[in-house]
Amino acid sequence: MKSVVKAIAVAATAIVVLVSNPTVTKANGGGTKSINDEQVSVKYVGADDNHVVFQVQFDNPTGEKFQLIIKNDNGDVVYHQAFTQAHFAKNVYFENTDSEIEPTFIIRNANNEVVRQFHVVKTLTENTTVTSL
């Protein structure tokens, strides 16, 4: 019986902590919602001689402030900007000089973040045409 009472007391304490936390409730001026995986899309668009291109999209129906952070292979932040657009879309261009790149894209709000990582390997192919004489 004591273990049931103790479990109820722990659960009640956890609920009080969550409800009193302004990042979870609307006490922080409207409430901040968590970002889920379905809201974020990062796609490899293609490459040319000069650039490797990715398209970043974020469905942000509440229009709350979020950040787009891009890191390079070494984990260094190469881009960091805040936005509030409801339907965010941006093409990101990387210089096409290395044979491999590993960009990391992060969409972050006050509650959490969604991370997308890529490994891009550049291979050189040669086309050969043979015709019969």
Protein backbone atom coordinates (compact mmCIF):
# COMPACT_ATOMS: atom_id res chain seq x y z
CA MET A 1 0.00 0.00 0.00
CA LYS A 2 2.87 2.37 0.83
CA SER A 3 4.40 1.84 -2.64
CA VAL A 4 1.11 2.83 -4.33
CA VAL A 5 0.87 6.01 -2.23
CA LYS A 6 4.52 6.80 -2.97
CA ALA A 7 3.96 6.28 -6.74
CA ILE A 8 0.92 8.60 -6.68
CA ALA A 9 2.91 11.23 -4.77
CA VAL A 10 5.78 11.06 -7.31
CA ALA A 11 3.34 11.33 -10.22
CA ALA A 12 1.54 14.28 -8.62
CA THR A 13 4.87 16.04 -8.03
CA ALA A 14 5.88 15.48 -11.66
CA ILE A 15 2.59 16.95 -12.88
CA VAL A 16 2.99 20.02 -10.64
CA VAL A 17 6.52 20.58 -11.98
CA LEU A 18 5.35 20.27 -15.58
CA VAL A 19 2.34 22.55 -15.12
CA SER A 20 4.37 25.20 -13.31
CA ASN A 21 7.11 25.21 -15.97
CA PRO A 22 6.48 28.17 -18.33
CA THR A 23 8.13 26.42 -21.30
CA VAL A 24 5.53 23.67 -21.15
CA THR A 25 2.43 25.73 -20.39
CA LYS A 26 1.12 28.92 -21.93
CA ALA A 27 2.54 31.05 -19.11
CA ASN A 28 5.37 32.18 -21.39
CA GLY A 29 3.11 34.23 -23.64
CA GLY A 30 1.28 31.80 -25.86
CA GLY A 31 3.11 28.54 -25.33
CA THR A 32 5.76 26.98 -27.47
CA LYS A 33 5.03 23.76 -29.28
CA SER A 34 7.48 21.01 -30.02
CA ILE A 35 8.70 20.48 -33.55
CA ASN A 36 8.06 17.03 -34.95
CA ASP A 37 9.86 15.17 -37.77
CA GLU A 38 6.94 15.51 -40.19
CA GLN A 39 7.20 19.31 -40.14
CA VAL A 40 10.81 19.37 -41.36
CA SER A 41 12.04 18.38 -44.80
CA VAL A 42 15.63 18.63 -46.02
CA LYS A 43 16.23 17.28 -49.52
CA TYR A 44 19.27 17.03 -51.73
CA VAL A 45 18.30 18.95 -54.89
CA GLY A 46 21.38 18.36 -57.01
CA ALA A 47 24.81 19.62 -57.95
CA ASP A 48 26.54 21.47 -60.73
CA ASP A 49 30.18 22.38 -61.27
CA ASN A 50 30.06 25.07 -58.58
CA HIS A 51 27.47 24.06 -55.96
CA VAL A 52 25.76 21.25 -54.08
CA VAL A 53 22.17 22.30 -53.33
CA PHE A 54 19.79 21.29 -50.53
CA GLN A 55 16.22 22.50 -50.01
CA VAL A 56 15.10 23.09 -46.40
CA GLN A 57 11.37 23.32 -45.64
CA PHE A 58 9.62 23.77 -42.31
CA ASP A 59 5.85 23.83 -41.76
CA ASN A 60 5.43 26.27 -38.86
CA PRO A 61 1.64 26.83 -38.62
CA THR A 62 1.86 28.85 -35.39
CA GLY A 63 4.42 31.24 -36.87
CA GLU A 64 6.58 30.96 -33.77
CA LYS A 65 10.26 31.86 -33.80
CA PHE A 66 12.65 29.10 -34.85
CA GLN A 67 16.28 28.88 -35.86
CA LEU A 68 17.95 27.27 -38.85
CA ILE A 69 21.46 26.15 -37.97
CA ILE A 70 23.83 24.54 -40.46
CA LYS A 71 27.07 22.86 -39.43
CA ASN A 72 29.95 21.69 -41.60
CA ASP A 73 31.92 18.43 -41.46
CA ASN A 74 33.83 19.55 -38.37
CA GLY A 75 30.69 20.53 -36.45
CA ASP A 76 31.39 24.25 -36.90
CA VAL A 77 28.32 26.46 -37.32
CA VAL A 78 28.44 27.96 -40.82
CA TYR A 79 24.92 29.43 -40.80
CA HIS A 80 22.60 30.49 -37.97
CA GLN A 81 19.49 32.59 -38.54
CA ALA A 82 16.11 33.01 -36.80
CA PHE A 83 12.81 33.02 -38.71
CA THR A 84 9.06 33.17 -38.00
CA GLN A 85 7.54 32.20 -41.36
CA ALA A 86 4.61 29.80 -41.32
CA HIS A 87 5.74 28.03 -44.52
CA PHE A 88 9.51 28.30 -44.58
CA ALA A 89 11.50 27.20 -47.63
CA LYS A 90 15.14 27.95 -48.41
CA ASN A 91 17.70 26.59 -50.85
CA VAL A 92 21.14 26.14 -49.31
CA TYR A 93 24.23 26.11 -51.52
CA PHE A 94 27.55 24.50 -50.62
CA GLU A 95 30.66 25.10 -52.66
CA ASN A 96 31.31 22.02 -54.78
CA THR A 97 35.07 21.70 -54.20
CA ASP A 98 35.55 18.72 -51.89
CA SER A 99 35.03 15.12 -52.83
CA GLU A 100 32.94 14.58 -49.66
CA ILE A 101 30.86 16.84 -47.42
CA GLU A 102 28.77 16.08 -44.33
CA PRO A 103 26.39 18.97 -43.67
CA THR A 104 24.08 18.95 -40.65
CA PHE A 105 20.81 20.91 -40.70
CA ILE A 106 19.08 21.80 -37.42
CA ILE A 107 15.64 23.37 -37.01
CA ARG A 108 15.30 24.49 -33.37
CA ASN A 109 12.66 26.28 -31.30
CA ALA A 110 12.48 26.89 -27.54
CA ASN A 111 11.38 23.29 -26.82
CA ASN A 112 13.38 21.00 -29.08
CA GLU A 113 15.13 20.50 -32.38
CA VAL A 114 15.02 18.29 -35.46
CA VAL A 115 18.36 17.30 -36.99
CA ARG A 116 19.06 16.07 -40.52
CA GLN A 117 22.54 14.89 -41.50
CA PHE A 118 23.89 14.01 -44.93
CA HIS A 119 26.99 12.42 -46.37
CA VAL A 120 27.62 13.57 -49.95
CA VAL A 121 30.30 11.82 -51.98
CA LYS A 122 31.35 13.37 -55.26
CA THR A 123 32.34 10.84 -57.88
CA LEU A 124 33.65 11.65 -61.31
CA THR A 125 32.16 9.58 -64.11
CA GLU A 126 33.25 9.49 -67.68
CA ASN A 127 30.93 8.65 -70.55
CA THR A 128 32.39 6.72 -73.44
CA THR A 129 30.58 6.35 -76.75
CA VAL A 130 31.55 3.60 -79.15
CA THR A 131 30.19 3.52 -82.70
CA SER A 132 30.60 0.78 -85.23
CA LEU A 133 32.31 1.68 -88.52
